C-alpha atoms as a PDB file:
ATOM      1  CA  UNK A   1     -11.656 -35.594 -21.039  1.00  0.00           C
ATOM      2  CA  UNK A   2     -13.070 -37.969 -19.063  1.00  0.00           C
ATOM      3  CA  UNK A   3     -13.070 -41.535 -19.655  1.00  0.00           C
ATOM      4  CA  UNK A   4     -15.162 -44.274 -17.787  1.00  0.00           C
ATOM      5  CA  UNK A   5     -16.388 -47.136 -19.926  1.00  0.00           C
ATOM      6  CA  UNK A   6     -14.482 -48.972 -22.745  1.00  0.00           C
ATOM      7  CA  UNK A   7     -16.732 -47.338 -25.053  1.00  0.00           C
ATOM      8  CA  UNK A   8     -15.507 -44.243 -24.087  1.00  0.00           C
ATOM      9  CA  UNK A   9     -11.861 -45.371 -24.755  1.00  0.00           C
ATOM     10  CA  UNK A  10     -13.045 -46.534 -28.384  1.00  0.00           C
ATOM     11  CA  UNK A  11     -14.175 -43.508 -29.062  1.00  0.00           C
ATOM     12  CA  UNK A  12     -11.288 -41.917 -28.128  1.00  0.00           C
ATOM     13  CA  UNK A  13      -9.089 -44.113 -30.564  1.00  0.00           C
ATOM     14  CA  UNK A  14     -11.923 -43.526 -33.240  1.00  0.00           C
ATOM     15  CA  UNK A  15     -11.375 -39.747 -32.534  1.00  0.00           C
ATOM     16  CA  UNK A  16      -7.379 -40.072 -33.081  1.00  0.00           C
ATOM     17  CA  UNK A  17      -6.259 -40.105 -37.187  1.00  0.00           C
ATOM     18  CA  UNK A  18      -2.872 -41.365 -36.242  1.00  0.00           C
ATOM     19  CA  UNK A  19      -4.470 -44.378 -34.181  1.00  0.00           C
ATOM     20  CA  UNK A  20      -6.890 -45.217 -36.744  1.00  0.00           C
ATOM     21  CA  UNK A  21      -4.317 -45.234 -39.845  1.00  0.00           C
ATOM     22  CA  UNK A  22      -2.226 -47.606 -37.369  1.00  0.00           C
ATOM     23  CA  UNK A  23      -5.184 -49.928 -37.283  1.00  0.00           C
ATOM     24  CA  UNK A  24      -5.930 -50.026 -40.519  1.00  0.00           C
ATOM     25  CA  UNK A  25      -2.869 -50.874 -41.620  1.00  0.00           C
ATOM     26  CA  UNK A  26      -2.488 -53.978 -39.590  1.00  0.00           C
ATOM     27  CA  UNK A  27      -6.049 -54.542 -40.518  1.00  0.00           C
ATOM     28  CA  UNK A  28      -5.059 -54.784 -44.402  1.00  0.00           C
ATOM     29  CA  UNK A  29      -2.700 -58.001 -43.049  1.00  0.00           C
ATOM     30  CA  UNK A  30      -5.676 -60.431 -42.566  1.00  0.00           C
ATOM     31  CA  UNK A  31      -4.241 -61.765 -39.772  1.00  0.00           C
ATOM     32  CA  UNK A  32      -6.065 -64.129 -37.392  1.00  0.00           C
ATOM     33  CA  UNK A  33      -7.173 -63.214 -34.091  1.00  0.00           C
ATOM     34  CA  UNK A  34      -5.050 -59.574 -34.329  1.00  0.00           C
ATOM     35  CA  UNK A  35      -4.748 -56.756 -31.829  1.00  0.00           C
ATOM     36  CA  UNK A  36      -2.927 -53.786 -31.772  1.00  0.00           C
ATOM     37  CA  UNK A  37      -2.200 -53.706 -27.909  1.00  0.00           C
ATOM     38  CA  UNK A  38      -0.123 -52.258 -24.626  1.00  0.00           C
ATOM     39  CA  UNK A  39       1.569 -48.984 -24.836  1.00  0.00           C
ATOM     40  CA  UNK A  40      -0.315 -48.318 -28.066  1.00  0.00           C
ATOM     41  CA  UNK A  41      -3.831 -47.953 -25.958  1.00  0.00           C
ATOM     42  CA  UNK A  42      -2.173 -47.364 -22.585  1.00  0.00           C
ATOM     43  CA  UNK A  43      -0.290 -44.437 -23.319  1.00  0.00           C
ATOM     44  CA  UNK A  44      -3.279 -42.660 -25.192  1.00  0.00           C
ATOM     45  CA  UNK A  45      -5.357 -43.350 -21.972  1.00  0.00           C
ATOM     46  CA  UNK A  46      -2.526 -42.074 -19.301  1.00  0.00           C
ATOM     47  CA  UNK A  47      -1.648 -39.102 -22.169  1.00  0.00           C
ATOM     48  CA  UNK A  48      -5.555 -38.035 -22.331  1.00  0.00           C
ATOM     49  CA  UNK A  49      -5.735 -38.342 -18.572  1.00  0.00           C
ATOM     50  CA  UNK A  50      -3.062 -36.076 -17.702  1.00  0.00           C
ATOM     51  CA  UNK A  51      -4.118 -33.681 -20.520  1.00  0.00           C
ATOM     52  CA  UNK A  52      -1.133 -33.621 -22.274  1.00  0.00           C
ATOM     53  CA  UNK A  53      -1.369 -31.888 -25.853  1.00  0.00           C
ATOM     54  CA  UNK A  54       1.226 -34.288 -27.572  1.00  0.00           C
ATOM     55  CA  UNK A  55       1.181 -37.942 -28.079  1.00  0.00           C
ATOM     56  CA  UNK A  56       3.544 -39.761 -25.777  1.00  0.00           C
ATOM     57  CA  UNK A  57       6.245 -41.122 -28.654  1.00  0.00           C
ATOM     58  CA  UNK A  58       5.978 -45.478 -28.411  1.00  0.00           C
ATOM     59  CA  UNK A  59       8.979 -47.266 -28.667  1.00  0.00           C
ATOM     60  CA  UNK A  60       7.027 -49.532 -30.769  1.00  0.00           C
ATOM     61  CA  UNK A  61       3.283 -50.623 -31.907  1.00  0.00           C
ATOM     62  CA  UNK A  62       2.967 -53.728 -30.654  1.00  0.00           C
ATOM     63  CA  UNK A  63       0.958 -56.025 -32.919  1.00  0.00           C
ATOM     64  CA  UNK A  64      -0.415 -59.836 -31.786  1.00  0.00           C
ATOM     65  CA  UNK A  65      -2.068 -61.912 -33.530  1.00  0.00           C
ATOM     66  CA  UNK A  66      -2.679 -65.845 -32.857  1.00  0.00           C
ATOM     67  CA  UNK A  67      -1.413 -68.538 -35.422  1.00  0.00           C
ATOM     68  CA  UNK A  68      -0.588 -72.088 -34.121  1.00  0.00           C
ATOM     69  CA  UNK A  69      -0.121 -73.387 -37.601  1.00  0.00           C
ATOM     70  CA  UNK A  70       2.479 -70.991 -39.008  1.00  0.00           C
ATOM     71  CA  UNK A  71       4.716 -70.260 -35.380  1.00  0.00           C
ATOM     72  CA  UNK A  72       8.243 -69.228 -37.111  1.00  0.00           C
ATOM     73  CA  UNK A  73       9.403 -66.035 -36.143  1.00  0.00           C
ATOM     74  CA  UNK A  74      10.658 -65.456 -39.376  1.00  0.00           C
ATOM     75  CA  UNK A  75       6.910 -64.719 -40.464  1.00  0.00           C
ATOM     76  CA  UNK A  76       6.740 -62.055 -37.850  1.00  0.00           C
ATOM     77  CA  UNK A  77       9.907 -60.054 -39.238  1.00  0.00           C
ATOM     78  CA  UNK A  78       8.177 -60.521 -42.634  1.00  0.00           C
ATOM     79  CA  UNK A  79       4.780 -58.818 -41.677  1.00  0.00           C
ATOM     80  CA  UNK A  80       7.033 -56.110 -39.613  1.00  0.00           C
ATOM     81  CA  UNK A  81       8.382 -55.600 -43.343  1.00  0.00           C
ATOM     82  CA  UNK A  82       5.400 -55.408 -44.460  1.00  0.00           C
ATOM     83  CA  UNK A  83       3.989 -53.138 -42.276  1.00  0.00           C
ATOM     84  CA  UNK A  84       6.751 -50.578 -42.806  1.00  0.00           C
ATOM     85  CA  UNK A  85       6.176 -50.747 -46.781  1.00  0.00           C
ATOM     86  CA  UNK A  86       2.463 -49.629 -45.633  1.00  0.00           C
ATOM     87  CA  UNK A  87       3.150 -47.226 -43.335  1.00  0.00           C
ATOM     88  CA  UNK A  88       6.910 -46.859 -43.031  1.00  0.00           C
ATOM     89  CA  UNK A  89       6.745 -43.768 -40.001  1.00  0.00           C
ATOM     90  CA  UNK A  90       5.858 -46.164 -37.417  1.00  0.00           C
ATOM     91  CA  UNK A  91       8.277 -48.664 -35.275  1.00  0.00           C
ATOM     92  CA  UNK A  92       6.281 -51.865 -35.749  1.00  0.00           C
ATOM     93  CA  UNK A  93       6.719 -54.958 -33.665  1.00  0.00           C
ATOM     94  CA  UNK A  94       4.734 -58.182 -34.605  1.00  0.00           C
ATOM     95  CA  UNK A  95       4.190 -61.279 -32.270  1.00  0.00           C
ATOM     96  CA  UNK A  96       2.362 -64.292 -33.137  1.00  0.00           C
ATOM     97  CA  UNK A  97       1.113 -65.365 -29.337  1.00  0.00           C
ATOM     98  CA  UNK A  98       0.746 -69.140 -30.570  1.00  0.00           C
ATOM     99  CA  UNK A  99       4.560 -69.187 -29.645  1.00  0.00           C
ATOM    100  CA  UNK A 100       4.876 -66.142 -26.352  1.00  0.00           C
ATOM    101  CA  UNK A 101       4.092 -68.618 -24.086  1.00  0.00           C
ATOM    102  CA  UNK A 102       7.085 -69.876 -24.177  1.00  0.00           C
ATOM    103  CA  UNK A 103       9.248 -66.699 -23.052  1.00  0.00           C
ATOM    104  CA  UNK A 104       7.700 -66.553 -19.609  1.00  0.00           C
ATOM    105  CA  UNK A 105       7.615 -70.497 -19.069  1.00  0.00           C
ATOM    106  CA  UNK A 106       3.851 -70.859 -19.570  1.00  0.00           C
ATOM    107  CA  UNK A 107       1.261 -73.664 -20.898  1.00  0.00           C
ATOM    108  CA  UNK A 108       0.310 -72.705 -24.578  1.00  0.00           C
ATOM    109  CA  UNK A 109      -2.381 -69.427 -24.732  1.00  0.00           C
ATOM    110  CA  UNK A 110      -5.343 -70.204 -26.330  1.00  0.00           C
ATOM    111  CA  UNK A 111      -5.938 -66.865 -28.359  1.00  0.00           C
ATOM    112  CA  UNK A 112      -4.386 -63.784 -28.777  1.00  0.00           C
ATOM    113  CA  UNK A 113      -6.616 -62.296 -25.990  1.00  0.00           C
ATOM    114  CA  UNK A 114      -5.508 -65.064 -23.417  1.00  0.00           C
ATOM    115  CA  UNK A 115      -1.859 -63.533 -24.336  1.00  0.00           C
ATOM    116  CA  UNK A 116      -2.984 -60.146 -23.231  1.00  0.00           C
ATOM    117  CA  UNK A 117      -4.687 -61.409 -20.148  1.00  0.00           C
ATOM    118  CA  UNK A 118      -0.905 -62.549 -19.522  1.00  0.00           C
ATOM    119  CA  UNK A 119       1.005 -59.014 -19.596  1.00  0.00           C
ATOM    120  CA  UNK A 120       2.784 -58.038 -16.596  1.00  0.00           C
ATOM    121  CA  UNK A 121       0.364 -55.008 -15.752  1.00  0.00           C
ATOM    122  CA  UNK A 122      -3.356 -54.616 -16.066  1.00  0.00           C
ATOM    123  CA  UNK A 123      -2.853 -51.024 -17.254  1.00  0.00           C
ATOM    124  CA  UNK A 124      -0.904 -52.820 -20.358  1.00  0.00           C
ATOM    125  CA  UNK A 125      -3.403 -55.905 -20.773  1.00  0.00           C
ATOM    126  CA  UNK A 126      -5.499 -54.104 -23.442  1.00  0.00           C
ATOM    127  CA  UNK A 127      -5.658 -54.368 -27.253  1.00  0.00           C
ATOM    128  CA  UNK A 128      -7.768 -52.789 -29.905  1.00  0.00           C
ATOM    129  CA  UNK A 129      -8.861 -53.840 -33.494  1.00  0.00           C
ATOM    130  CA  UNK A 130     -11.260 -53.257 -36.093  1.00  0.00           C
ATOM    131  CA  UNK A 131     -14.733 -55.020 -36.750  1.00  0.00           C
ATOM    132  CA  UNK A 132     -15.549 -55.037 -40.493  1.00  0.00           C
ATOM    133  CA  UNK A 133     -17.468 -51.992 -40.293  1.00  0.00           C
ATOM    134  CA  UNK A 134     -14.444 -49.957 -39.158  1.00  0.00           C
ATOM    135  CA  UNK A 135     -15.345 -49.388 -35.231  1.00  0.00           C
ATOM    136  CA  UNK A 136     -12.911 -49.351 -33.057  1.00  0.00           C
ATOM    137  CA  UNK A 137     -13.128 -52.676 -30.874  1.00  0.00           C
ATOM    138  CA  UNK A 138     -11.428 -52.960 -27.519  1.00  0.00           C
ATOM    139  CA  UNK A 139     -10.297 -55.727 -25.293  1.00  0.00           C
ATOM    140  CA  UNK A 140      -9.217 -55.608 -21.913  1.00  0.00           C
ATOM    141  CA  UNK A 141      -9.352 -59.061 -19.742  1.00  0.00           C
ATOM    142  CA  UNK A 142      -8.438 -57.356 -16.403  1.00  0.00           C
ATOM    143  CA  UNK A 143     -11.018 -54.632 -16.741  1.00  0.00           C
ATOM    144  CA  UNK A 144     -10.190 -50.810 -17.326  1.00  0.00           C
ATOM    145  CA  UNK A 145      -9.901 -49.517 -14.235  1.00  0.00           C
ATOM    146  CA  UNK A 146      -6.589 -49.657 -13.156  1.00  0.00           C
ATOM    147  CA  UNK A 147      -5.785 -47.642 -16.786  1.00  0.00           C
ATOM    148  CA  UNK A 148      -8.491 -44.936 -15.864  1.00  0.00           C
ATOM    149  CA  UNK A 149      -7.772 -44.418 -12.590  1.00  0.00           C
ATOM    150  CA  UNK A 150      -3.643 -44.415 -13.452  1.00  0.00           C
ATOM    151  CA  UNK A 151      -3.094 -47.214 -11.153  1.00  0.00           C
ATOM    152  CA  UNK A 152      -0.305 -50.217 -12.235  1.00  0.00           C
ATOM    153  CA  UNK A 153      -0.251 -53.357 -10.333  1.00  0.00           C
ATOM    154  CA  UNK A 154       0.827 -56.334 -11.680  1.00  0.00           C
ATOM    155  CA  UNK A 155      -1.818 -59.076 -13.227  1.00  0.00           C
ATOM    156  CA  UNK A 156      -3.052 -61.960 -11.366  1.00  0.00           C
ATOM    157  CA  UNK A 157      -0.339 -63.866 -12.815  1.00  0.00           C
ATOM    158  CA  UNK A 158       2.458 -62.066 -12.547  1.00  0.00           C
ATOM    159  CA  UNK A 159       1.698 -61.269  -8.878  1.00  0.00           C
ATOM    160  CA  UNK A 160       1.118 -65.006  -8.072  1.00  0.00           C
ATOM    161  CA  UNK A 161       4.220 -66.517  -9.871  1.00  0.00           C
ATOM    162  CA  UNK A 162       7.228 -65.891  -8.156  1.00  0.00           C
ATOM    163  CA  UNK A 163       9.689 -65.734 -11.138  1.00  0.00           C
ATOM    164  CA  UNK A 164       6.927 -63.137 -12.827  1.00  0.00           C
ATOM    165  CA  UNK A 165       6.798 -61.091 -10.203  1.00  0.00           C
ATOM    166  CA  UNK A 166      10.050 -60.005 -10.269  1.00  0.00           C
ATOM    167  CA  UNK A 167       9.934 -59.224 -14.219  1.00  0.00           C
ATOM    168  CA  UNK A 168       7.257 -57.412 -13.365  1.00  0.00           C
ATOM    169  CA  UNK A 169       8.926 -55.210 -10.564  1.00  0.00           C
ATOM    170  CA  UNK A 170      12.229 -54.801 -13.091  1.00  0.00           C
ATOM    171  CA  UNK A 171      10.229 -53.887 -15.652  1.00  0.00           C
ATOM    172  CA  UNK A 172       8.111 -51.409 -13.760  1.00  0.00           C
ATOM    173  CA  UNK A 173      11.681 -49.686 -12.800  1.00  0.00           C
ATOM    174  CA  UNK A 174      13.205 -49.549 -16.103  1.00  0.00           C
ATOM    175  CA  UNK A 175       9.798 -48.399 -17.797  1.00  0.00           C
ATOM    176  CA  UNK A 176       9.599 -45.031 -14.748  1.00  0.00           C
ATOM    177  CA  UNK A 177       6.467 -44.509 -16.484  1.00  0.00           C
ATOM    178  CA  UNK A 178       6.212 -41.676 -13.501  1.00  0.00           C
ATOM    179  CA  UNK A 179       8.586 -39.607 -14.977  1.00  0.00           C
ATOM    180  CA  UNK A 180       6.149 -39.053 -17.639  1.00  0.00           C
ATOM    181  CA  UNK A 181       2.693 -39.500 -16.250  1.00  0.00           C
ATOM    182  CA  UNK A 182       3.249 -38.140 -12.850  1.00  0.00           C
ATOM    183  CA  UNK A 183       0.151 -39.246 -11.357  1.00  0.00           C
ATOM    184  CA  UNK A 184       0.625 -42.721 -11.705  1.00  0.00           C
ATOM    185  CA  UNK A 185       0.282 -44.998  -8.519  1.00  0.00           C
ATOM    186  CA  UNK A 186       2.452 -47.969  -8.835  1.00  0.00           C
ATOM    187  CA  UNK A 187       1.745 -51.324  -7.020  1.00  0.00           C
ATOM    188  CA  UNK A 188       4.915 -53.322  -6.035  1.00  0.00           C
END
């Protein structure tokens, strides 16, 4: 399958029953500014481009949202429990982007999409959610060219900030994505 546009990616996800089940489960929480992101989207794209018949198992399903009024990490754990109740077969991870800037010692994020823009790799800086009619909406703050061209490179923030560049390099090494997706090209 050829993936050339954001529309192609949205359609790919819309046609995947498991991914739609996940998105519908998250939508039930009615979280403000929510997205399912990172490997959930990236791995589907890479699997498709590598013509894998089986989806790569995910270590977690990254669900993010943005709520400056309730930044207690305990709430995130409650939301994970609720998702496990709704759909127990998935490894849920929920994070409020209104508090995640602290991890990288950055100024506060303005939205969940701002948080996605500050993920380590451009190919991972992707998120999807459902709109009111139930269509897949994609956000790609750094575009989709890297992910569809199988390029792993740091986002501008992780490239230009010394301590974050080290985080990116360690992450690429530990993830070892090329062992699964051999056609990837990694920029260091």
